[in-house]
Amino acid sequence: MYNEINVLFGTLAKALDVPEDTLARLLEDGAITLETGRDDRGAPFVLAAHGTGEARRAARVYKDRILHLGEPPEGSVPGSVPSNP
């Protein structure tokens, strides 16, 4: 299970465009919102978000991809798909 948590941690850091040590601090501070959901096609995802206003970052993290919501962060994960649902 350690490996799965490590992969999720790295993926969340990429989705929110923060270094892993910053992600750890944000998680410890309760500054990240994580919610599970299913999209219109029934695919499960984790919605990860942090920040407010212009600094807000949100992304759906799927098993095989990251879908940035709103404006994707600078240097976003290759293959991610920007969206404004």
PDB file of N, CA and C in Angstrom:
ATOM      1  N   MET A   1       0.816  -1.193   0.000  1.00  0.00           N
ATOM      2  CA  MET A   1       0.000   0.000   0.000  1.00  0.00           C
ATOM      3  C   MET A   1       0.863   1.263   0.000  1.00  0.00           C
ATOM      4  N   TYR A   2       2.087   1.156   0.507  1.00  0.00           N
ATOM      5  CA  TYR A   2       2.993   2.300   0.528  1.00  0.00           C
ATOM      6  C   TYR A   2       3.211   2.838  -0.886  1.00  0.00           C
ATOM      7  N   ASN A   3       3.410   1.948  -1.852  1.00  0.00           N
ATOM      8  CA  ASN A   3       3.643   2.365  -3.230  1.00  0.00           C
ATOM      9  C   ASN A   3       2.442   3.119  -3.794  1.00  0.00           C
ATOM     10  N   GLU A   4       1.231   2.626  -3.537  1.00  0.00           N
ATOM     11  CA  GLU A   4       0.022   3.281  -4.046  1.00  0.00           C
ATOM     12  C   GLU A   4      -0.126   4.683  -3.462  1.00  0.00           C
ATOM     13  N   ILE A   5       0.165   4.829  -2.177  1.00  0.00           N
ATOM     14  CA  ILE A   5       0.071   6.141  -1.533  1.00  0.00           C
ATOM     15  C   ILE A   5       1.126   7.075  -2.111  1.00  0.00           C
ATOM     16  N   ASN A   6       2.315   6.562  -2.346  1.00  0.00           N
ATOM     17  CA  ASN A   6       3.381   7.358  -2.923  1.00  0.00           C
ATOM     18  C   ASN A   6       3.007   7.851  -4.320  1.00  0.00           C
ATOM     19  N   VAL A   7       2.411   6.987  -5.139  1.00  0.00           N
ATOM     20  CA  VAL A   7       1.970   7.365  -6.490  1.00  0.00           C
ATOM     21  C   VAL A   7       0.875   8.427  -6.402  1.00  0.00           C
ATOM     22  N   LEU A   8      -0.103   8.227  -5.521  1.00  0.00           N
ATOM     23  CA  LEU A   8      -1.180   9.208  -5.355  1.00  0.00           C
ATOM     24  C   LEU A   8      -0.618  10.551  -4.918  1.00  0.00           C
ATOM     25  N   PHE A   9       0.306  10.533  -3.980  1.00  0.00           N
ATOM     26  CA  PHE A   9       0.916  11.759  -3.475  1.00  0.00           C
ATOM     27  C   PHE A   9       1.595  12.524  -4.608  1.00  0.00           C
ATOM     28  N   GLY A  10       2.401  11.827  -5.413  1.00  0.00           N
ATOM     29  CA  GLY A  10       3.082  12.462  -6.534  1.00  0.00           C
ATOM     30  C   GLY A  10       2.110  12.992  -7.570  1.00  0.00           C
ATOM     31  N   THR A  11       1.065  12.242  -7.832  1.00  0.00           N
ATOM     32  CA  THR A  11       0.060  12.664  -8.807  1.00  0.00           C
ATOM     33  C   THR A  11      -0.686  13.905  -8.326  1.00  0.00           C
ATOM     34  N   LEU A  12      -1.026  13.953  -7.044  1.00  0.00           N
ATOM     35  CA  LEU A  12      -1.694  15.135  -6.493  1.00  0.00           C
ATOM     36  C   LEU A  12      -0.789  16.364  -6.596  1.00  0.00           C
ATOM     37  N   ALA A  13       0.490  16.184  -6.327  1.00  0.00           N
ATOM     38  CA  ALA A  13       1.433  17.302  -6.437  1.00  0.00           C
ATOM     39  C   ALA A  13       1.471  17.822  -7.881  1.00  0.00           C
ATOM     40  N   LYS A  14       1.496  16.922  -8.854  1.00  0.00           N
ATOM     41  CA  LYS A  14       1.483  17.330 -10.263  1.00  0.00           C
ATOM     42  C   LYS A  14       0.164  17.995 -10.627  1.00  0.00           C
ATOM     43  N   ALA A  15      -0.943  17.435 -10.162  1.00  0.00           N
ATOM     44  CA  ALA A  15      -2.264  17.980 -10.494  1.00  0.00           C
ATOM     45  C   ALA A  15      -2.436  19.401  -9.971  1.00  0.00           C
ATOM     46  N   LEU A  16      -1.884  19.670  -8.787  1.00  0.00           N
ATOM     47  CA  LEU A  16      -2.041  20.997  -8.183  1.00  0.00           C
ATOM     48  C   LEU A  16      -0.831  21.890  -8.430  1.00  0.00           C
ATOM     49  N   ASP A  17       0.139  21.378  -9.182  1.00  0.00           N
ATOM     50  CA  ASP A  17       1.326  22.135  -9.567  1.00  0.00           C
ATOM     51  C   ASP A  17       2.067  22.691  -8.355  1.00  0.00           C
ATOM     52  N   VAL A  18       2.327  21.809  -7.383  1.00  0.00           N
ATOM     53  CA  VAL A  18       3.103  22.174  -6.203  1.00  0.00           C
ATOM     54  C   VAL A  18       4.173  21.114  -5.969  1.00  0.00           C
ATOM     55  N   PRO A  19       5.300  21.496  -5.392  1.00  0.00           N
ATOM     56  CA  PRO A  19       6.304  20.498  -5.030  1.00  0.00           C
ATOM     57  C   PRO A  19       5.747  19.548  -3.966  1.00  0.00           C
ATOM     58  N   GLU A  20       6.297  18.341  -3.901  1.00  0.00           N
ATOM     59  CA  GLU A  20       5.780  17.345  -2.959  1.00  0.00           C
ATOM     60  C   GLU A  20       5.886  17.797  -1.513  1.00  0.00           C
ATOM     61  N   ASP A  21       6.942  18.535  -1.139  1.00  0.00           N
ATOM     62  CA  ASP A  21       7.048  19.001   0.244  1.00  0.00           C
ATOM     63  C   ASP A  21       5.969  20.038   0.555  1.00  0.00           C
ATOM     64  N   THR A  22       5.615  20.857  -0.437  1.00  0.00           N
ATOM     65  CA  THR A  22       4.515  21.816  -0.257  1.00  0.00           C
ATOM     66  C   THR A  22       3.192  21.079  -0.134  1.00  0.00           C
ATOM     67  N   LEU A  23       2.996  20.040  -0.947  1.00  0.00           N
ATOM     68  CA  LEU A  23       1.778  19.243  -0.857  1.00  0.00           C
ATOM     69  C   LEU A  23       1.640  18.644   0.540  1.00  0.00           C
ATOM     70  N   ALA A  24       2.727  18.130   1.083  1.00  0.00           N
ATOM     71  CA  ALA A  24       2.698  17.548   2.427  1.00  0.00           C
ATOM     72  C   ALA A  24       2.245  18.587   3.453  1.00  0.00           C
ATOM     73  N   ARG A  25       2.794  19.794   3.356  1.00  0.00           N
ATOM     74  CA  ARG A  25       2.405  20.860   4.303  1.00  0.00           C
ATOM     75  C   ARG A  25       0.937  21.236   4.137  1.00  0.00           C
ATOM     76  N   LEU A  26       0.488  21.359   2.883  1.00  0.00           N
ATOM     77  CA  LEU A  26      -0.915  21.702   2.631  1.00  0.00           C
ATOM     78  C   LEU A  26      -1.854  20.627   3.186  1.00  0.00           C
ATOM     79  N   LEU A  27      -1.483  19.362   3.015  1.00  0.00           N
ATOM     80  CA  LEU A  27      -2.297  18.274   3.567  1.00  0.00           C
ATOM     81  C   LEU A  27      -2.321  18.322   5.086  1.00  0.00           C
ATOM     82  N   GLU A  28      -1.157  18.534   5.700  1.00  0.00           N
ATOM     83  CA  GLU A  28      -1.079  18.616   7.157  1.00  0.00           C
ATOM     84  C   GLU A  28      -1.895  19.775   7.701  1.00  0.00           C
ATOM     85  N   ASP A  29      -1.933  20.888   6.957  1.00  0.00           N
ATOM     86  CA  ASP A  29      -2.675  22.080   7.373  1.00  0.00           C
ATOM     87  C   ASP A  29      -4.162  22.002   7.046  1.00  0.00           C
ATOM     88  N   GLY A  30      -4.580  20.945   6.345  1.00  0.00           N
ATOM     89  CA  GLY A  30      -5.982  20.824   5.950  1.00  0.00           C
ATOM     90  C   GLY A  30      -6.380  21.818   4.876  1.00  0.00           C
ATOM     91  N   ALA A  31      -5.402  22.251   4.051  1.00  0.00           N
ATOM     92  CA  ALA A  31      -5.654  23.275   3.044  1.00  0.00           C
ATOM     93  C   ALA A  31      -6.018  22.708   1.679  1.00  0.00           C
ATOM     94  N   ILE A  32      -6.094  21.385   1.570  1.00  0.00           N
ATOM     95  CA  ILE A  32      -6.472  20.744   0.312  1.00  0.00           C
ATOM     96  C   ILE A  32      -7.805  20.028   0.498  1.00  0.00           C
ATOM     97  N   THR A  33      -8.679  20.207  -0.470  1.00  0.00           N
ATOM     98  CA  THR A  33      -9.950  19.499  -0.468  1.00  0.00           C
ATOM     99  C   THR A  33      -9.831  18.310  -1.409  1.00  0.00           C
ATOM    100  N   LEU A  34     -10.186  17.128  -0.929  1.00  0.00           N
ATOM    101  CA  LEU A  34     -10.212  15.925  -1.765  1.00  0.00           C
ATOM    102  C   LEU A  34     -11.611  15.343  -1.712  1.00  0.00           C
ATOM    103  N   GLU A  35     -12.190  15.117  -2.874  1.00  0.00           N
ATOM    104  CA  GLU A  35     -13.530  14.525  -2.973  1.00  0.00           C
ATOM    105  C   GLU A  35     -13.503  13.462  -4.063  1.00  0.00           C
ATOM    106  N   THR A  36     -14.267  12.414  -3.866  1.00  0.00           N
ATOM    107  CA  THR A  36     -14.380  11.412  -4.920  1.00  0.00           C
ATOM    108  C   THR A  36     -15.640  11.683  -5.732  1.00  0.00           C
ATOM    109  N   GLY A  37     -15.627  11.249  -6.972  1.00  0.00           N
ATOM    110  CA  GLY A  37     -16.785  11.436  -7.823  1.00  0.00           C
ATOM    111  C   GLY A  37     -16.697  10.567  -9.060  1.00  0.00           C
ATOM    112  N   ARG A  38     -17.714  10.673  -9.906  1.00  0.00           N
ATOM    113  CA  ARG A  38     -17.756   9.983 -11.199  1.00  0.00           C
ATOM    114  C   ARG A  38     -18.186  10.999 -12.234  1.00  0.00           C
ATOM    115  N   ASP A  39     -17.536  10.952 -13.393  1.00  0.00           N
ATOM    116  CA  ASP A  39     -17.888  11.888 -14.451  1.00  0.00           C
ATOM    117  C   ASP A  39     -19.112  11.398 -15.215  1.00  0.00           C
ATOM    118  N   ASP A  40     -19.470  12.112 -16.289  1.00  0.00           N
ATOM    119  CA  ASP A  40     -20.661  11.775 -17.074  1.00  0.00           C
ATOM    120  C   ASP A  40     -20.593  10.390 -17.697  1.00  0.00           C
ATOM    121  N   ARG A  41     -19.387   9.873 -17.889  1.00  0.00           N
ATOM    122  CA  ARG A  41     -19.213   8.533 -18.465  1.00  0.00           C
ATOM    123  C   ARG A  41     -19.105   7.459 -17.394  1.00  0.00           C
ATOM    124  N   GLY A  42     -19.195   7.865 -16.131  1.00  0.00           N
ATOM    125  CA  GLY A  42     -19.119   6.908 -15.030  1.00  0.00           C
ATOM    126  C   GLY A  42     -17.715   6.608 -14.548  1.00  0.00           C
ATOM    127  N   ALA A  43     -16.709   7.301 -15.090  1.00  0.00           N
ATOM    128  CA  ALA A  43     -15.320   7.064 -14.686  1.00  0.00           C
ATOM    129  C   ALA A  43     -15.062   7.711 -13.325  1.00  0.00           C
ATOM    130  N   PRO A  44     -14.489   6.957 -12.391  1.00  0.00           N
ATOM    131  CA  PRO A  44     -14.205   7.517 -11.065  1.00  0.00           C
ATOM    132  C   PRO A  44     -13.006   8.463 -11.103  1.00  0.00           C
ATOM    133  N   PHE A  45     -13.045   9.483 -10.244  1.00  0.00           N
ATOM    134  CA  PHE A  45     -11.938  10.426 -10.127  1.00  0.00           C
ATOM    135  C   PHE A  45     -11.870  10.946  -8.701  1.00  0.00           C
ATOM    136  N   VAL A  46     -10.747  11.573  -8.374  1.00  0.00           N
ATOM    137  CA  VAL A  46     -10.595  12.319  -7.124  1.00  0.00           C
ATOM    138  C   VAL A  46     -10.472  13.779  -7.521  1.00  0.00           C
ATOM    139  N   LEU A  47     -11.342  14.622  -6.981  1.00  0.00           N
ATOM    140  CA  LEU A  47     -11.259  16.054  -7.214  1.00  0.00           C
ATOM    141  C   LEU A  47     -10.356  16.635  -6.136  1.00  0.00           C
ATOM    142  N   ALA A  48      -9.250  17.237  -6.557  1.00  0.00           N
ATOM    143  CA  ALA A  48      -8.295  17.852  -5.643  1.00  0.00           C
ATOM    144  C   ALA A  48      -8.305  19.356  -5.877  1.00  0.00           C
ATOM    145  N   ALA A  49      -8.360  20.134  -4.799  1.00  0.00           N
ATOM    146  CA  ALA A  49      -8.384  21.591  -4.943  1.00  0.00           C
ATOM    147  C   ALA A  49      -7.705  22.246  -3.748  1.00  0.00           C
ATOM    148  N   HIS A  50      -7.116  23.404  -4.006  1.00  0.00           N
ATOM    149  CA  HIS A  50      -6.586  24.241  -2.932  1.00  0.00           C
ATOM    150  C   HIS A  50      -6.480  25.672  -3.425  1.00  0.00           C
ATOM    151  N   GLY A  51      -6.416  26.600  -2.491  1.00  0.00           N
ATOM    152  CA  GLY A  51      -6.277  28.016  -2.812  1.00  0.00           C
ATOM    153  C   GLY A  51      -7.622  28.679  -3.041  1.00  0.00           C
ATOM    154  N   THR A  52      -7.567  29.992  -3.228  1.00  0.00           N
ATOM    155  CA  THR A  52      -8.772  30.781  -3.485  1.00  0.00           C
ATOM    156  C   THR A  52      -8.484  31.803  -4.577  1.00  0.00           C
ATOM    157  N   GLY A  53      -9.543  32.299  -5.176  1.00  0.00           N
ATOM    158  CA  GLY A  53      -9.416  33.346  -6.189  1.00  0.00           C
ATOM    159  C   GLY A  53      -8.494  32.961  -7.329  1.00  0.00           C
ATOM    160  N   GLU A  54      -7.614  33.892  -7.717  1.00  0.00           N
ATOM    161  CA  GLU A  54      -6.680  33.670  -8.822  1.00  0.00           C
ATOM    162  C   GLU A  54      -5.711  32.526  -8.540  1.00  0.00           C
ATOM    163  N   ALA A  55      -5.441  32.263  -7.271  1.00  0.00           N
ATOM    164  CA  ALA A  55      -4.475  31.222  -6.894  1.00  0.00           C
ATOM    165  C   ALA A  55      -5.109  29.839  -6.765  1.00  0.00           C
ATOM    166  N   ARG A  56      -6.424  29.745  -6.972  1.00  0.00           N
ATOM    167  CA  ARG A  56      -7.099  28.456  -6.817  1.00  0.00           C
ATOM    168  C   ARG A  56      -6.675  27.485  -7.911  1.00  0.00           C
ATOM    169  N   ARG A  57      -6.386  26.270  -7.514  1.00  0.00           N
ATOM    170  CA  ARG A  57      -6.070  25.178  -8.428  1.00  0.00           C
ATOM    171  C   ARG A  57      -7.010  24.029  -8.132  1.00  0.00           C
ATOM    172  N   ALA A  58      -7.580  23.449  -9.167  1.00  0.00           N
ATOM    173  CA  ALA A  58      -8.463  22.294  -9.015  1.00  0.00           C
ATOM    174  C   ALA A  58      -8.244  21.362 -10.196  1.00  0.00           C
ATOM    175  N   ALA A  59      -8.294  20.073  -9.911  1.00  0.00           N
ATOM    176  CA  ALA A  59      -8.090  19.088 -10.970  1.00  0.00           C
ATOM    177  C   ALA A  59      -8.807  17.800 -10.604  1.00  0.00           C
ATOM    178  N   ARG A  60      -9.304  17.128 -11.628  1.00  0.00           N
ATOM    179  CA  ARG A  60      -9.821  15.774 -11.461  1.00  0.00           C
ATOM    180  C   ARG A  60      -8.662  14.828 -11.738  1.00  0.00           C
ATOM    181  N   VAL A  61      -8.389  13.952 -10.803  1.00  0.00           N
ATOM    182  CA  VAL A  61      -7.311  12.985 -10.952  1.00  0.00           C
ATOM    183  C   VAL A  61      -7.944  11.628 -11.244  1.00  0.00           C
ATOM    184  N   TYR A  62      -7.737  11.162 -12.465  1.00  0.00           N
ATOM    185  CA  TYR A  62      -8.228   9.856 -12.891  1.00  0.00           C
ATOM    186  C   TYR A  62      -7.094   8.848 -12.759  1.00  0.00           C
ATOM    187  N   LYS A  63      -7.388   7.596 -12.965  1.00  0.00           N
ATOM    188  CA  LYS A  63      -6.373   6.546 -12.887  1.00  0.00           C
ATOM    189  C   LYS A  63      -5.227   6.798 -13.862  1.00  0.00           C
ATOM    190  N   ASP A  64      -5.540   7.306 -15.057  1.00  0.00           N
ATOM    191  CA  ASP A  64      -4.523   7.428 -16.095  1.00  0.00           C
ATOM    192  C   ASP A  64      -4.314   8.837 -16.625  1.00  0.00           C
ATOM    193  N   ARG A  65      -4.943   9.835 -16.004  1.00  0.00           N
ATOM    194  CA  ARG A  65      -4.776  11.198 -16.508  1.00  0.00           C
ATOM    195  C   ARG A  65      -5.211  12.212 -15.462  1.00  0.00           C
ATOM    196  N   ILE A  66      -4.849  13.465 -15.731  1.00  0.00           N
ATOM    197  CA  ILE A  66      -5.238  14.585 -14.881  1.00  0.00           C
ATOM    198  C   ILE A  66      -6.019  15.559 -15.745  1.00  0.00           C
ATOM    199  N   LEU A  67      -7.169  15.983 -15.279  1.00  0.00           N
ATOM    200  CA  LEU A  67      -7.992  16.949 -15.990  1.00  0.00           C
ATOM    201  C   LEU A  67      -8.023  18.224 -15.157  1.00  0.00           C
ATOM    202  N   HIS A  68      -7.302  19.271 -15.616  1.00  0.00           N
ATOM    203  CA  HIS A  68      -7.280  20.540 -14.894  1.00  0.00           C
ATOM    204  C   HIS A  68      -8.607  21.253 -15.106  1.00  0.00           C
ATOM    205  N   LEU A  69      -9.144  21.802 -14.042  1.00  0.00           N
ATOM    206  CA  LEU A  69     -10.391  22.558 -14.113  1.00  0.00           C
ATOM    207  C   LEU A  69     -10.044  24.037 -14.098  1.00  0.00           C
ATOM    208  N   GLY A  70     -10.602  24.797 -15.022  1.00  0.00           N
ATOM    209  CA  GLY A  70     -10.231  26.198 -15.146  1.00  0.00           C
ATOM    210  C   GLY A  70      -8.933  26.309 -15.912  1.00  0.00           C
ATOM    211  N   GLU A  71      -8.153  27.310 -15.603  1.00  0.00           N
ATOM    212  CA  GLU A  71      -6.869  27.506 -16.272  1.00  0.00           C
ATOM    213  C   GLU A  71      -5.856  26.513 -15.738  1.00  0.00           C
ATOM    214  N   PRO A  72      -5.204  25.740 -16.613  1.00  0.00           N
ATOM    215  CA  PRO A  72      -4.187  24.814 -16.122  1.00  0.00           C
ATOM    216  C   PRO A  72      -2.999  25.590 -15.578  1.00  0.00           C
ATOM    217  N   PRO A  73      -2.338  25.064 -14.547  1.00  0.00           N
ATOM    218  CA  PRO A  73      -1.169  25.751 -14.006  1.00  0.00           C
ATOM    219  C   PRO A  73      -0.024  25.758 -15.005  1.00  0.00           C
ATOM    220  N   GLU A  74       0.876  26.716 -14.839  1.00  0.00           N
ATOM    221  CA  GLU A  74       2.083  26.775 -15.673  1.00  0.00           C
ATOM    222  C   GLU A  74       2.811  25.449 -15.565  1.00  0.00           C
ATOM    223  N   GLY A  75       3.300  24.942 -16.679  1.00  0.00           N
ATOM    224  CA  GLY A  75       4.055  23.697 -16.659  1.00  0.00           C
ATOM    225  C   GLY A  75       3.217  22.504 -16.247  1.00  0.00           C
ATOM    226  N   SER A  76       1.942  22.508 -16.610  1.00  0.00           N
ATOM    227  CA  SER A  76       1.056  21.420 -16.208  1.00  0.00           C
ATOM    228  C   SER A  76       1.514  20.085 -16.768  1.00  0.00           C
ATOM    229  N   VAL A  77       0.976  19.035 -16.219  1.00  0.00           N
ATOM    230  CA  VAL A  77       1.369  17.676 -16.569  1.00  0.00           C
ATOM    231  C   VAL A  77       1.133  17.420 -18.049  1.00  0.00           C
ATOM    232  N   PRO A  78       2.152  16.934 -18.777  1.00  0.00           N
ATOM    233  CA  PRO A  78       1.952  16.622 -20.191  1.00  0.00           C
ATOM    234  C   PRO A  78       0.804  15.629 -20.366  1.00  0.00           C
ATOM    235  N   GLY A  79      -0.040  15.900 -21.344  1.00  0.00           N
ATOM    236  CA  GLY A  79      -1.161  15.011 -21.599  1.00  0.00           C
ATOM    237  C   GLY A  79      -2.405  15.373 -20.809  1.00  0.00           C
ATOM    238  N   SER A  80      -2.307  16.362 -19.935  1.00  0.00           N
ATOM    239  CA  SER A  80      -3.496  16.769 -19.194  1.00  0.00           C
ATOM    240  C   SER A  80      -4.391  17.576 -20.127  1.00  0.00           C
ATOM    241  N   VAL A  81      -5.651  17.621 -19.817  1.00  0.00           N
ATOM    242  CA  VAL A  81      -6.612  18.261 -20.695  1.00  0.00           C
ATOM    243  C   VAL A  81      -7.269  19.411 -19.957  1.00  0.00           C
ATOM    244  N   PRO A  82      -7.047  20.680 -20.374  1.00  0.00           N
ATOM    245  CA  PRO A  82      -7.717  21.792 -19.716  1.00  0.00           C
ATOM    246  C   PRO A  82      -9.209  21.750 -19.977  1.00  0.00           C
ATOM    247  N   SER A  83      -9.982  22.168 -19.002  1.00  0.00           N
ATOM    248  CA  SER A  83     -11.430  22.142 -19.151  1.00  0.00           C
ATOM    249  C   SER A  83     -12.051  23.212 -18.281  1.00  0.00           C
ATOM    250  N   ASN A  84     -13.219  23.646 -18.655  1.00  0.00           N
ATOM    251  CA  ASN A  84     -14.010  24.580 -17.853  1.00  0.00           C
ATOM    252  C   ASN A  84     -15.426  24.038 -17.730  1.00  0.00           C
ATOM    253  N   PRO A  85     -15.624  22.980 -16.906  1.00  0.00           N
ATOM    254  CA  PRO A  85     -16.962  22.401 -16.807  1.00  0.00           C
ATOM    255  C   PRO A  85     -17.937  23.309 -16.106  1.00  0.00           C
TER     256      PRO A  85
END
